[in-house]
Amino acid sequence: MNLTELNRVATAMVAPGKGILAADESSGTIKKRFDAIGVESTEASRRDYREMLFRSKEAMSQYISGVILYDETIWQDAKDGTPLVKLIEQAGAIPGIKVDEGTQALPMCPGETVTIGLDKLAERLKKYYERGARFAKWRAVIDIGSGIPSMTAISVNAHALARYAALCQAAQIVPIVEPEVLMDGDHDVDRCYDVTQRVLNKTFQELRVQRVALEGMVLKPNMAISGKTCAKQASVEEVAEKTIRLLKACVPAAVSGIAFLSGGQSDEEATAHLNAMHKLGPLPWGLTFSYGRALQAAPQKAWSGKAENVTAGQRAFSHRARMNGLAAKGEWQSSLEQKAA
């Protein structure tokens, strides 16, 4: 393992004013998104859509540090035969790959899941590295509900995350460690804070046990946020203050960077929260975004599967990327959104 190189890549992933595009939707998820805009989900339509994003020169070169790909996408070529991975590299961004294989029910723990995909991961990582991937992603899903999460669910998911991270570093690939506490439910922001604290503490304990070099990884956590159906929604300032307090308590300064997931927040909420956190600096690690839907909902709608809308789609993508790039430096203002509209 070359830690200097891993650290260089991890640091580039959270470079000031840049963030990570999560374009790793599974075939099922992208079908749902395409259904919503009336586009048939085929291998060609998925490729055309992602090619449109990766060819957005302004967004990709100025505001996107890396792109998380799905297995299908990393092997695809653009219409002109250029590998999509090459388009990402040409824009100055780093190609990455989602390597987990989804979740399955956790035995003896009703309503809880464990992420699978560790079998043969070492061989898969080797192939992805040869194809150009320099970082990977694995998502653990923790649900808040009556009597859950159990310590069992937290432990097995933290253990799997750490095993995955160690395998990545052995393959010279930077692991994005993503323990996501879902915002589904009616719990308040403090309950989210407590659960996330338990999850992060257990995750870092496992990372240490499995000898993962913190300087060569990126954390992708949820924010401390109210559940979607909670009657009292925490303000932008409260989310920012509690999230930073939580991260400072749980995340060692050695970690190269933190890139938040948007996890069901609206486009503007995800941007506003990140911006407010940067007002609370200085911070011990690079702090940015790794958004999927919050970067893509607008371009998907603008594009709607039509070749003549590619420019409009790219414009929408560039706008969201720029807004989040500004937020990642604490320079975003809601008035900028109105101007664009």
C-alpha atoms as a PDB file:
ATOM      1  CA  MET A   1       0.000   0.000   0.000  1.00  0.00           C
ATOM      2  CA  ASN A   2       1.325   3.420  -0.984  1.00  0.00           C
ATOM      3  CA  LEU A   3      -0.215   5.706   1.652  1.00  0.00           C
ATOM      4  CA  THR A   4       1.245   8.892   0.131  1.00  0.00           C
ATOM      5  CA  GLU A   5      -0.641   8.213  -3.111  1.00  0.00           C
ATOM      6  CA  LEU A   6      -3.858   7.216  -1.294  1.00  0.00           C
ATOM      7  CA  ASN A   7      -3.674  10.445   0.710  1.00  0.00           C
ATOM      8  CA  ARG A   8      -3.076  12.485  -2.463  1.00  0.00           C
ATOM      9  CA  VAL A   9      -6.225  11.049  -4.089  1.00  0.00           C
ATOM     10  CA  ALA A  10      -8.322  11.372  -0.903  1.00  0.00           C
ATOM     11  CA  THR A  11      -7.252  15.004  -0.471  1.00  0.00           C
ATOM     12  CA  ALA A  12      -8.055  15.778  -4.131  1.00  0.00           C
ATOM     13  CA  MET A  13     -11.539  14.291  -3.620  1.00  0.00           C
ATOM     14  CA  VAL A  14     -12.319  16.934  -0.993  1.00  0.00           C
ATOM     15  CA  ALA A  15     -10.452  19.848  -2.598  1.00  0.00           C
ATOM     16  CA  PRO A  16     -11.850  23.276  -1.578  1.00  0.00           C
ATOM     17  CA  GLY A  17     -14.889  24.219  -3.663  1.00  0.00           C
ATOM     18  CA  LYS A  18     -15.178  20.793  -5.295  1.00  0.00           C
ATOM     19  CA  GLY A  19     -17.269  17.739  -4.449  1.00  0.00           C
ATOM     20  CA  ILE A  20     -18.180  14.257  -5.606  1.00  0.00           C
ATOM     21  CA  LEU A  21     -20.974  13.410  -8.033  1.00  0.00           C
ATOM     22  CA  ALA A  22     -22.732  10.203  -6.961  1.00  0.00           C
ATOM     23  CA  ALA A  23     -23.814   8.743 -10.321  1.00  0.00           C
ATOM     24  CA  ASP A  24     -23.903   5.179  -9.011  1.00  0.00           C
ATOM     25  CA  GLU A  25     -27.666   4.590  -9.019  1.00  0.00           C
ATOM     26  CA  SER A  26     -28.502   0.907  -9.393  1.00  0.00           C
ATOM     27  CA  SER A  27     -30.509  -0.135 -12.458  1.00  0.00           C
ATOM     28  CA  GLY A  28     -33.628  -0.205 -10.272  1.00  0.00           C
ATOM     29  CA  THR A  29     -33.093   3.283  -8.864  1.00  0.00           C
ATOM     30  CA  ILE A  30     -32.300   4.927 -12.190  1.00  0.00           C
ATOM     31  CA  LYS A  31     -35.402   3.279 -13.683  1.00  0.00           C
ATOM     32  CA  LYS A  32     -37.501   5.009 -10.991  1.00  0.00           C
ATOM     33  CA  ARG A  33     -35.854   8.355 -11.781  1.00  0.00           C
ATOM     34  CA  PHE A  34     -36.332   7.859 -15.521  1.00  0.00           C
ATOM     35  CA  ASP A  35     -39.970   6.774 -15.032  1.00  0.00           C
ATOM     36  CA  ALA A  36     -40.565  10.121 -13.306  1.00  0.00           C
ATOM     37  CA  ILE A  37     -39.398  12.019 -16.418  1.00  0.00           C
ATOM     38  CA  GLY A  38     -41.008   9.634 -18.906  1.00  0.00           C
ATOM     39  CA  VAL A  39     -37.803   8.079 -20.246  1.00  0.00           C
ATOM     40  CA  GLU A  40     -37.387   4.349 -20.865  1.00  0.00           C
ATOM     41  CA  SER A  41     -34.425   2.987 -18.911  1.00  0.00           C
ATOM     42  CA  THR A  42     -32.214   1.125 -21.388  1.00  0.00           C
ATOM     43  CA  GLU A  43     -28.459   0.648 -21.454  1.00  0.00           C
ATOM     44  CA  ALA A  44     -28.286   3.295 -24.204  1.00  0.00           C
ATOM     45  CA  SER A  45     -30.476   5.867 -22.398  1.00  0.00           C
ATOM     46  CA  ARG A  46     -28.526   5.424 -19.160  1.00  0.00           C
ATOM     47  CA  ARG A  47     -25.284   5.891 -21.052  1.00  0.00           C
ATOM     48  CA  ASP A  48     -26.559   8.970 -22.930  1.00  0.00           C
ATOM     49  CA  TYR A  49     -27.708  10.569 -19.697  1.00  0.00           C
ATOM     50  CA  ARG A  50     -24.421  10.000 -17.886  1.00  0.00           C
ATOM     51  CA  GLU A  51     -22.395  11.030 -20.919  1.00  0.00           C
ATOM     52  CA  MET A  52     -24.308  14.324 -20.887  1.00  0.00           C
ATOM     53  CA  LEU A  53     -23.220  14.915 -17.272  1.00  0.00           C
ATOM     54  CA  PHE A  54     -19.588  13.900 -17.816  1.00  0.00           C
ATOM     55  CA  ARG A  55     -19.328  16.169 -20.876  1.00  0.00           C
ATOM     56  CA  SER A  56     -20.547  19.197 -18.886  1.00  0.00           C
ATOM     57  CA  LYS A  57     -17.216  20.982 -19.143  1.00  0.00           C
ATOM     58  CA  GLU A  58     -17.865  23.802 -16.682  1.00  0.00           C
ATOM     59  CA  ALA A  59     -19.338  21.613 -13.930  1.00  0.00           C
ATOM     60  CA  MET A  60     -16.879  18.758 -14.254  1.00  0.00           C
ATOM     61  CA  SER A  61     -13.700  20.820 -14.467  1.00  0.00           C
ATOM     62  CA  GLN A  62     -14.551  23.471 -11.873  1.00  0.00           C
ATOM     63  CA  TYR A  63     -16.801  21.914  -9.225  1.00  0.00           C
ATOM     64  CA  ILE A  64     -16.608  18.101  -9.429  1.00  0.00           C
ATOM     65  CA  SER A  65     -13.587  16.327  -7.937  1.00  0.00           C
ATOM     66  CA  GLY A  66     -14.709  12.770  -8.582  1.00  0.00           C
ATOM     67  CA  VAL A  67     -17.576  10.627  -9.874  1.00  0.00           C
ATOM     68  CA  ILE A  68     -18.928   7.449  -8.256  1.00  0.00           C
ATOM     69  CA  LEU A  69     -19.914   5.030 -11.019  1.00  0.00           C
ATOM     70  CA  TYR A  70     -22.122   1.948 -11.126  1.00  0.00           C
ATOM     71  CA  ASP A  71     -20.640  -1.327 -12.430  1.00  0.00           C
ATOM     72  CA  GLU A  72     -22.487  -1.008 -15.763  1.00  0.00           C
ATOM     73  CA  THR A  73     -21.245   2.567 -16.300  1.00  0.00           C
ATOM     74  CA  ILE A  74     -17.549   1.984 -15.645  1.00  0.00           C
ATOM     75  CA  TRP A  75     -17.393  -0.449 -18.584  1.00  0.00           C
ATOM     76  CA  GLN A  76     -19.458   1.727 -20.965  1.00  0.00           C
ATOM     77  CA  ASP A  77     -18.112   3.810 -23.822  1.00  0.00           C
ATOM     78  CA  ALA A  78     -19.510   7.160 -24.953  1.00  0.00           C
ATOM     79  CA  LYS A  79     -21.301   7.392 -28.319  1.00  0.00           C
ATOM     80  CA  ASP A  80     -17.998   8.203 -30.052  1.00  0.00           C
ATOM     81  CA  GLY A  81     -16.285   5.175 -28.489  1.00  0.00           C
ATOM     82  CA  THR A  82     -14.397   7.023 -25.727  1.00  0.00           C
ATOM     83  CA  PRO A  83     -14.645   5.124 -22.408  1.00  0.00           C
ATOM     84  CA  LEU A  84     -16.823   7.133 -19.982  1.00  0.00           C
ATOM     85  CA  VAL A  85     -13.978   6.762 -17.446  1.00  0.00           C
ATOM     86  CA  LYS A  86     -11.746   8.701 -19.859  1.00  0.00           C
ATOM     87  CA  LEU A  87     -14.295  11.539 -20.157  1.00  0.00           C
ATOM     88  CA  ILE A  88     -14.157  11.927 -16.377  1.00  0.00           C
ATOM     89  CA  GLU A  89     -10.349  11.910 -16.350  1.00  0.00           C
ATOM     90  CA  GLN A  90     -10.178  14.396 -19.249  1.00  0.00           C
ATOM     91  CA  ALA A  91     -12.329  16.807 -17.238  1.00  0.00           C
ATOM     92  CA  GLY A  92      -9.784  16.587 -14.412  1.00  0.00           C
ATOM     93  CA  ALA A  93     -12.011  14.536 -12.096  1.00  0.00           C
ATOM     94  CA  ILE A  94     -11.301  11.148 -10.512  1.00  0.00           C
ATOM     95  CA  PRO A  95     -13.312   8.041 -11.465  1.00  0.00           C
ATOM     96  CA  GLY A  96     -14.671   5.942  -8.599  1.00  0.00           C
ATOM     97  CA  ILE A  97     -16.861   2.847  -8.275  1.00  0.00           C
ATOM     98  CA  LYS A  98     -19.667   1.664  -5.989  1.00  0.00           C
ATOM     99  CA  VAL A  99     -18.697  -1.857  -4.887  1.00  0.00           C
ATOM    100  CA  ASP A 100     -21.317  -2.960  -2.367  1.00  0.00           C
ATOM    101  CA  GLU A 101     -24.035  -5.307  -3.631  1.00  0.00           C
ATOM    102  CA  GLY A 102     -26.952  -3.824  -1.729  1.00  0.00           C
ATOM    103  CA  THR A 103     -28.513  -4.989   1.516  1.00  0.00           C
ATOM    104  CA  GLN A 104     -30.204  -8.081   2.832  1.00  0.00           C
ATOM    105  CA  ALA A 105     -32.258  -8.778   5.944  1.00  0.00           C
ATOM    106  CA  LEU A 106     -30.157  -9.149   9.095  1.00  0.00           C
ATOM    107  CA  PRO A 107     -30.956 -12.461  10.860  1.00  0.00           C
ATOM    108  CA  MET A 108     -32.559 -12.114  14.324  1.00  0.00           C
ATOM    109  CA  CYS A 109     -32.952  -8.361  13.823  1.00  0.00           C
ATOM    110  CA  PRO A 110     -36.419  -7.613  12.392  1.00  0.00           C
ATOM    111  CA  GLY A 111     -36.511  -4.504  10.211  1.00  0.00           C
ATOM    112  CA  GLU A 112     -32.726  -4.209   9.965  1.00  0.00           C
ATOM    113  CA  THR A 113     -30.310  -4.931   7.139  1.00  0.00           C
ATOM    114  CA  VAL A 114     -26.652  -5.664   6.491  1.00  0.00           C
ATOM    115  CA  THR A 115     -24.744  -4.637   3.359  1.00  0.00           C
ATOM    116  CA  ILE A 116     -23.286  -7.490   1.309  1.00  0.00           C
ATOM    117  CA  GLY A 117     -20.545  -7.793  -1.323  1.00  0.00           C
ATOM    118  CA  LEU A 118     -17.291  -8.645   0.482  1.00  0.00           C
ATOM    119  CA  ASP A 119     -16.911 -12.035  -1.243  1.00  0.00           C
ATOM    120  CA  LYS A 120     -14.550 -11.748  -4.233  1.00  0.00           C
ATOM    121  CA  LEU A 121     -14.217  -7.994  -3.585  1.00  0.00           C
ATOM    122  CA  ALA A 122     -10.407  -8.203  -3.783  1.00  0.00           C
ATOM    123  CA  GLU A 123     -10.575  -9.553  -7.364  1.00  0.00           C
ATOM    124  CA  ARG A 124     -13.212  -7.001  -8.397  1.00  0.00           C
ATOM    125  CA  LEU A 125     -11.127  -4.120  -7.030  1.00  0.00           C
ATOM    126  CA  LYS A 126      -8.155  -5.235  -9.115  1.00  0.00           C
ATOM    127  CA  LYS A 127     -10.257  -5.055 -12.308  1.00  0.00           C
ATOM    128  CA  TYR A 128     -11.738  -1.684 -11.366  1.00  0.00           C
ATOM    129  CA  TYR A 129      -8.261  -0.280 -10.685  1.00  0.00           C
ATOM    130  CA  GLU A 130      -7.104  -1.423 -14.136  1.00  0.00           C
ATOM    131  CA  ARG A 131     -10.154   0.304 -15.654  1.00  0.00           C
ATOM    132  CA  GLY A 132      -9.175   3.595 -13.970  1.00  0.00           C
ATOM    133  CA  ALA A 133     -11.064   3.681 -10.659  1.00  0.00           C
ATOM    134  CA  ARG A 134      -9.035   5.325  -7.897  1.00  0.00           C
ATOM    135  CA  PHE A 135     -11.665   5.312  -5.161  1.00  0.00           C
ATOM    136  CA  ALA A 136     -14.630   3.133  -4.187  1.00  0.00           C
ATOM    137  CA  LYS A 137     -17.825   3.420  -2.170  1.00  0.00           C
ATOM    138  CA  TRP A 138     -19.673   1.088   0.214  1.00  0.00           C
ATOM    139  CA  ARG A 139     -22.934   2.113   1.891  1.00  0.00           C
ATOM    140  CA  ALA A 140     -24.233   0.772   5.175  1.00  0.00           C
ATOM    141  CA  VAL A 141     -27.871   1.578   5.958  1.00  0.00           C
ATOM    142  CA  ILE A 142     -29.016   2.223   9.536  1.00  0.00           C
ATOM    143  CA  ASP A 143     -32.704   2.784  10.148  1.00  0.00           C
ATOM    144  CA  ILE A 144     -34.175   4.632  13.140  1.00  0.00           C
ATOM    145  CA  GLY A 145     -37.439   3.212  14.458  1.00  0.00           C
ATOM    146  CA  SER A 146     -39.087   1.701  17.489  1.00  0.00           C
ATOM    147  CA  GLY A 147     -36.351  -0.257  19.272  1.00  0.00           C
ATOM    148  CA  ILE A 148     -33.881   0.101  16.399  1.00  0.00           C
ATOM    149  CA  PRO A 149     -31.092   0.399  15.503  1.00  0.00           C
ATOM    150  CA  SER A 150     -29.838  -2.538  17.543  1.00  0.00           C
ATOM    151  CA  MET A 151     -26.193  -2.742  18.547  1.00  0.00           C
ATOM    152  CA  THR A 152     -26.093  -5.872  16.363  1.00  0.00           C
ATOM    153  CA  ALA A 153     -26.977  -3.925  13.205  1.00  0.00           C
ATOM    154  CA  ILE A 154     -24.512  -1.153  14.040  1.00  0.00           C
ATOM    155  CA  SER A 155     -21.716  -3.657  14.751  1.00  0.00           C
ATOM    156  CA  VAL A 156     -22.090  -5.893  11.697  1.00  0.00           C
ATOM    157  CA  ASN A 157     -22.367  -2.932   9.340  1.00  0.00           C
ATOM    158  CA  ALA A 158     -19.361  -1.156  10.891  1.00  0.00           C
ATOM    159  CA  HIS A 159     -17.363  -4.396  10.652  1.00  0.00           C
ATOM    160  CA  ALA A 160     -18.243  -4.831   6.955  1.00  0.00           C
ATOM    161  CA  LEU A 161     -17.405  -1.175   6.204  1.00  0.00           C
ATOM    162  CA  ALA A 162     -13.981  -1.591   7.789  1.00  0.00           C
ATOM    163  CA  ARG A 163     -13.259  -4.879   5.979  1.00  0.00           C
ATOM    164  CA  TYR A 164     -14.205  -3.237   2.685  1.00  0.00           C
ATOM    165  CA  ALA A 165     -11.978  -0.213   3.482  1.00  0.00           C
ATOM    166  CA  ALA A 166      -8.974  -2.423   4.254  1.00  0.00           C
ATOM    167  CA  LEU A 167      -9.450  -4.382   1.002  1.00  0.00           C
ATOM    168  CA  CYS A 168      -9.627  -1.096  -0.941  1.00  0.00           C
ATOM    169  CA  GLN A 169      -6.427   0.282   0.528  1.00  0.00           C
ATOM    170  CA  ALA A 170      -4.644  -3.012  -0.156  1.00  0.00           C
ATOM    171  CA  ALA A 171      -5.739  -2.587  -3.803  1.00  0.00           C
ATOM    172  CA  GLN A 172      -4.475   1.042  -3.841  1.00  0.00           C
ATOM    173  CA  ILE A 173      -8.031   2.410  -3.972  1.00  0.00           C
ATOM    174  CA  VAL A 174      -9.313   5.117  -1.594  1.00  0.00           C
ATOM    175  CA  PRO A 175     -12.396   3.886   0.296  1.00  0.00           C
ATOM    176  CA  ILE A 176     -15.401   6.151   0.789  1.00  0.00           C
ATOM    177  CA  VAL A 177     -16.860   4.856   4.051  1.00  0.00           C
ATOM    178  CA  GLU A 178     -20.611   5.551   4.050  1.00  0.00           C
ATOM    179  CA  PRO A 179     -22.559   4.691   7.201  1.00  0.00           C
ATOM    180  CA  GLU A 180     -25.952   6.250   6.408  1.00  0.00           C
ATOM    181  CA  VAL A 181     -28.444   6.838   9.198  1.00  0.00           C
ATOM    182  CA  LEU A 182     -31.666   7.258   7.219  1.00  0.00           C
ATOM    183  CA  MET A 183     -33.858  10.332   7.643  1.00  0.00           C
ATOM    184  CA  ASP A 184     -37.054   8.298   7.166  1.00  0.00           C
ATOM    185  CA  GLY A 185     -39.273   8.467  10.242  1.00  0.00           C
ATOM    186  CA  ASP A 186     -40.648  10.906  12.783  1.00  0.00           C
ATOM    187  CA  HIS A 187     -37.592  11.087  15.074  1.00  0.00           C
ATOM    188  CA  ASP A 188     -36.202  14.508  16.006  1.00  0.00           C
ATOM    189  CA  VAL A 189     -32.732  15.886  15.322  1.00  0.00           C
ATOM    190  CA  ASP A 190     -31.419  14.837  18.759  1.00  0.00           C
ATOM    191  CA  ARG A 191     -32.369  11.209  18.198  1.00  0.00           C
ATOM    192  CA  CYS A 192     -30.581  11.327  14.843  1.00  0.00           C
ATOM    193  CA  TYR A 193     -27.557  12.860  16.616  1.00  0.00           C
ATOM    194  CA  ASP A 194     -27.441  10.079  19.235  1.00  0.00           C
ATOM    195  CA  VAL A 195     -27.789   7.248  16.736  1.00  0.00           C
ATOM    196  CA  THR A 196     -25.244   8.757  14.331  1.00  0.00           C
ATOM    197  CA  GLN A 197     -22.797   9.186  17.209  1.00  0.00           C
ATOM    198  CA  ARG A 198     -23.086   5.483  18.083  1.00  0.00           C
ATOM    199  CA  VAL A 199     -22.685   4.521  14.427  1.00  0.00           C
ATOM    200  CA  LEU A 200     -19.623   6.720  13.827  1.00  0.00           C
ATOM    201  CA  ASN A 201     -17.909   5.663  17.053  1.00  0.00           C
ATOM    202  CA  LYS A 202     -18.371   1.975  16.221  1.00  0.00           C
ATOM    203  CA  THR A 203     -17.247   2.512  12.615  1.00  0.00           C
ATOM    204  CA  PHE A 204     -13.980   4.194  13.636  1.00  0.00           C
ATOM    205  CA  GLN A 205     -13.356   1.549  16.280  1.00  0.00           C
ATOM    206  CA  GLU A 206     -13.627  -1.135  13.563  1.00  0.00           C
ATOM    207  CA  LEU A 207     -11.483   0.861  11.120  1.00  0.00           C
ATOM    208  CA  ARG A 208      -8.717   0.947  13.729  1.00  0.00           C
ATOM    209  CA  VAL A 209      -9.037  -2.767  14.510  1.00  0.00           C
ATOM    210  CA  GLN A 210      -8.667  -3.544  10.811  1.00  0.00           C
ATOM    211  CA  ARG A 211      -5.686  -1.234  10.387  1.00  0.00           C
ATOM    212  CA  VAL A 212      -7.263   1.137   7.890  1.00  0.00           C
ATOM    213  CA  ALA A 213      -5.109   4.238   7.331  1.00  0.00           C
ATOM    214  CA  LEU A 214      -7.395   7.176   8.122  1.00  0.00           C
ATOM    215  CA  GLU A 215      -5.263   9.507   5.980  1.00  0.00           C
ATOM    216  CA  GLY A 216      -6.216   7.416   2.945  1.00  0.00           C
ATOM    217  CA  MET A 217     -10.029   7.388   3.276  1.00  0.00           C
ATOM    218  CA  VAL A 218     -13.024   9.701   2.947  1.00  0.00           C
ATOM    219  CA  LEU A 219     -16.069   9.550   5.241  1.00  0.00           C
ATOM    220  CA  LYS A 220     -19.536   9.942   3.691  1.00  0.00           C
ATOM    221  CA  PRO A 221     -21.945  10.494   6.596  1.00  0.00           C
ATOM    222  CA  ASN A 222     -25.480  11.764   6.970  1.00  0.00           C
ATOM    223  CA  MET A 223     -26.077  15.131   8.633  1.00  0.00           C
ATOM    224  CA  ALA A 224     -27.692  15.440  12.055  1.00  0.00           C
ATOM    225  CA  ILE A 225     -31.174  16.156  10.760  1.00  0.00           C
ATOM    226  CA  SER A 226     -34.833  15.704  11.756  1.00  0.00           C
ATOM    227  CA  GLY A 227     -36.706  12.686  10.404  1.00  0.00           C
ATOM    228  CA  LYS A 228     -38.806  13.451   7.296  1.00  0.00           C
ATOM    229  CA  THR A 229     -42.111  13.170   9.149  1.00  0.00           C
ATOM    230  CA  CYS A 230     -41.000  14.819  12.403  1.00  0.00           C
ATOM    231  CA  ALA A 231     -43.392  17.636  13.365  1.00  0.00           C
ATOM    232  CA  LYS A 232     -40.493  19.883  14.397  1.00  0.00           C
ATOM    233  CA  GLN A 233     -37.891  20.289  11.643  1.00  0.00           C
ATOM    234  CA  ALA A 234     -34.499  21.551  12.814  1.00  0.00           C
ATOM    235  CA  SER A 235     -33.416  24.882  11.271  1.00  0.00           C
ATOM    236  CA  VAL A 236     -30.469  25.155   8.859  1.00  0.00           C
ATOM    237  CA  GLU A 237     -28.349  26.637  11.655  1.00  0.00           C
ATOM    238  CA  GLU A 238     -29.247  23.866  14.101  1.00  0.00           C
ATOM    239  CA  VAL A 239     -28.464  21.129  11.569  1.00  0.00           C
ATOM    240  CA  ALA A 240     -25.095  22.747  10.827  1.00  0.00           C
ATOM    241  CA  GLU A 241     -24.166  23.307  14.475  1.00  0.00           C
ATOM    242  CA  LYS A 242     -25.165  19.800  15.625  1.00  0.00           C
ATOM    243  CA  THR A 243     -23.557  18.076  12.644  1.00  0.00           C
ATOM    244  CA  ILE A 244     -20.217  19.835  13.176  1.00  0.00           C
ATOM    245  CA  ARG A 245     -20.332  19.147  16.914  1.00  0.00           C
ATOM    246  CA  LEU A 246     -21.029  15.480  16.178  1.00  0.00           C
ATOM    247  CA  LEU A 247     -18.248  15.140  13.627  1.00  0.00           C
ATOM    248  CA  LYS A 248     -15.700  16.858  15.844  1.00  0.00           C
ATOM    249  CA  ALA A 249     -16.600  14.434  18.636  1.00  0.00           C
ATOM    250  CA  CYS A 250     -16.392  11.294  16.480  1.00  0.00           C
ATOM    251  CA  VAL A 251     -14.139  11.788  13.454  1.00  0.00           C
ATOM    252  CA  PRO A 252     -10.355  11.820  14.014  1.00  0.00           C
ATOM    253  CA  ALA A 253      -8.497  14.756  12.476  1.00  0.00           C
ATOM    254  CA  ALA A 254      -6.338  12.271  10.543  1.00  0.00           C
ATOM    255  CA  VAL A 255      -9.245  11.526   8.186  1.00  0.00           C
ATOM    256  CA  SER A 256      -8.555  13.231   4.831  1.00  0.00           C
ATOM    257  CA  GLY A 257     -12.044  14.501   4.330  1.00  0.00           C
ATOM    258  CA  ILE A 258     -15.786  14.270   4.805  1.00  0.00           C
ATOM    259  CA  ALA A 259     -18.238  14.342   1.892  1.00  0.00           C
ATOM    260  CA  PHE A 260     -21.894  14.418   2.914  1.00  0.00           C
ATOM    261  CA  LEU A 261     -24.676  12.425   1.349  1.00  0.00           C
ATOM    262  CA  SER A 262     -27.863  14.401   0.648  1.00  0.00           C
ATOM    263  CA  GLY A 263     -30.129  11.540   1.756  1.00  0.00           C
ATOM    264  CA  GLY A 264     -33.566  12.796   0.777  1.00  0.00           C
ATOM    265  CA  GLN A 265     -33.025  16.530   1.365  1.00  0.00           C
ATOM    266  CA  SER A 266     -34.209  18.938  -1.323  1.00  0.00           C
ATOM    267  CA  ASP A 267     -31.531  20.382  -3.642  1.00  0.00           C
ATOM    268  CA  GLU A 268     -31.452  23.731  -1.870  1.00  0.00           C
ATOM    269  CA  GLU A 269     -31.590  22.305   1.672  1.00  0.00           C
ATOM    270  CA  ALA A 270     -28.534  20.131   1.001  1.00  0.00           C
ATOM    271  CA  THR A 271     -26.673  23.188  -0.303  1.00  0.00           C
ATOM    272  CA  ALA A 272     -27.779  25.497   2.536  1.00  0.00           C
ATOM    273  CA  HIS A 273     -26.768  22.993   5.243  1.00  0.00           C
ATOM    274  CA  LEU A 274     -23.277  22.496   3.782  1.00  0.00           C
ATOM    275  CA  ASN A 275     -22.822  26.255   3.423  1.00  0.00           C
ATOM    276  CA  ALA A 276     -23.851  26.897   7.051  1.00  0.00           C
ATOM    277  CA  MET A 277     -21.308  24.337   8.294  1.00  0.00           C
ATOM    278  CA  HIS A 278     -18.497  26.206   6.570  1.00  0.00           C
ATOM    279  CA  LYS A 279     -19.489  29.310   8.529  1.00  0.00           C
ATOM    280  CA  LEU A 280     -18.496  27.411  11.699  1.00  0.00           C
ATOM    281  CA  GLY A 281     -14.858  26.845  10.664  1.00  0.00           C
ATOM    282  CA  PRO A 282     -11.987  26.263  10.789  1.00  0.00           C
ATOM    283  CA  LEU A 283     -12.472  22.493  10.509  1.00  0.00           C
ATOM    284  CA  PRO A 284      -9.914  19.702  10.972  1.00  0.00           C
ATOM    285  CA  TRP A 285     -10.776  17.959   7.668  1.00  0.00           C
ATOM    286  CA  GLY A 286     -11.881  18.928   4.170  1.00  0.00           C
ATOM    287  CA  LEU A 287     -15.699  19.139   4.207  1.00  0.00           C
ATOM    288  CA  THR A 288     -17.712  18.863   1.004  1.00  0.00           C
ATOM    289  CA  PHE A 289     -20.578  17.115  -0.791  1.00  0.00           C
ATOM    290  CA  SER A 290     -21.088  13.713  -2.392  1.00  0.00           C
ATOM    291  CA  TYR A 291     -24.586  14.244  -3.723  1.00  0.00           C
ATOM    292  CA  GLY A 292     -26.650  12.132  -6.082  1.00  0.00           C
ATOM    293  CA  ARG A 293     -30.218  13.314  -6.343  1.00  0.00           C
ATOM    294  CA  ALA A 294     -29.422  16.828  -5.068  1.00  0.00           C
ATOM    295  CA  LEU A 295     -27.106  17.321  -8.076  1.00  0.00           C
ATOM    296  CA  GLN A 296     -29.110  15.338 -10.626  1.00  0.00           C
ATOM    297  CA  ALA A 297     -32.846  15.982 -10.132  1.00  0.00           C
ATOM    298  CA  ALA A 298     -32.705  19.308 -12.019  1.00  0.00           C
ATOM    299  CA  PRO A 299     -30.597  18.097 -14.995  1.00  0.00           C
ATOM    300  CA  GLN A 300     -32.714  14.945 -15.338  1.00  0.00           C
ATOM    301  CA  LYS A 301     -35.861  17.009 -15.632  1.00  0.00           C
ATOM    302  CA  ALA A 302     -34.304  19.493 -18.061  1.00  0.00           C
ATOM    303  CA  TRP A 303     -32.951  16.690 -20.261  1.00  0.00           C
ATOM    304  CA  SER A 304     -36.022  14.402 -20.224  1.00  0.00           C
ATOM    305  CA  GLY A 305     -34.332  11.943 -22.592  1.00  0.00           C
ATOM    306  CA  LYS A 306     -34.249  14.272 -25.610  1.00  0.00           C
ATOM    307  CA  ALA A 307     -31.044  14.899 -27.559  1.00  0.00           C
ATOM    308  CA  GLU A 308     -32.096  18.513 -28.211  1.00  0.00           C
ATOM    309  CA  ASN A 309     -32.228  19.124 -24.443  1.00  0.00           C
ATOM    310  CA  VAL A 310     -28.623  18.103 -23.721  1.00  0.00           C
ATOM    311  CA  THR A 311     -27.466  21.736 -23.420  1.00  0.00           C
ATOM    312  CA  ALA A 312     -30.338  22.573 -21.048  1.00  0.00           C
ATOM    313  CA  GLY A 313     -29.511  19.490 -18.971  1.00  0.00           C
ATOM    314  CA  GLN A 314     -25.854  20.482 -18.780  1.00  0.00           C
ATOM    315  CA  ARG A 315     -26.806  24.020 -17.800  1.00  0.00           C
ATOM    316  CA  ALA A 316     -28.965  22.705 -14.941  1.00  0.00           C
ATOM    317  CA  PHE A 317     -26.164  20.376 -13.799  1.00  0.00           C
ATOM    318  CA  SER A 318     -23.568  23.175 -13.932  1.00  0.00           C
ATOM    319  CA  HIS A 319     -25.813  25.405 -11.844  1.00  0.00           C
ATOM    320  CA  ARG A 320     -26.303  22.812  -9.068  1.00  0.00           C
ATOM    321  CA  ALA A 321     -22.609  21.904  -9.138  1.00  0.00           C
ATOM    322  CA  ARG A 322     -21.639  25.571  -8.861  1.00  0.00           C
ATOM    323  CA  MET A 323     -24.083  26.205  -5.972  1.00  0.00           C
ATOM    324  CA  ASN A 324     -22.639  23.266  -4.037  1.00  0.00           C
ATOM    325  CA  GLY A 325     -19.094  24.258  -4.935  1.00  0.00           C
ATOM    326  CA  LEU A 326     -19.758  27.677  -3.395  1.00  0.00           C
ATOM    327  CA  ALA A 327     -21.398  26.063  -0.348  1.00  0.00           C
ATOM    328  CA  ALA A 328     -18.289  23.911   0.111  1.00  0.00           C
ATOM    329  CA  LYS A 329     -16.415  27.188   0.748  1.00  0.00           C
ATOM    330  CA  GLY A 330     -19.176  28.904   2.737  1.00  0.00           C
ATOM    331  CA  GLU A 331     -19.802  31.358  -0.135  1.00  0.00           C
ATOM    332  CA  TRP A 332     -23.326  30.346  -1.207  1.00  0.00           C
ATOM    333  CA  GLN A 333     -26.349  32.654  -0.861  1.00  0.00           C
ATOM    334  CA  SER A 334     -29.966  31.773  -1.595  1.00  0.00           C
ATOM    335  CA  SER A 335     -30.213  34.858  -3.824  1.00  0.00           C
ATOM    336  CA  LEU A 336     -27.907  33.100  -6.312  1.00  0.00           C
ATOM    337  CA  GLU A 337     -30.601  30.446  -6.782  1.00  0.00           C
ATOM    338  CA  GLN A 338     -33.210  33.087  -7.631  1.00  0.00           C
ATOM    339  CA  LYS A 339     -30.904  34.732 -10.158  1.00  0.00           C
ATOM    340  CA  ALA A 340     -30.449  31.440 -11.988  1.00  0.00           C
ATOM    341  CA  ALA A 341     -34.193  30.726 -11.957  1.00  0.00           C
END
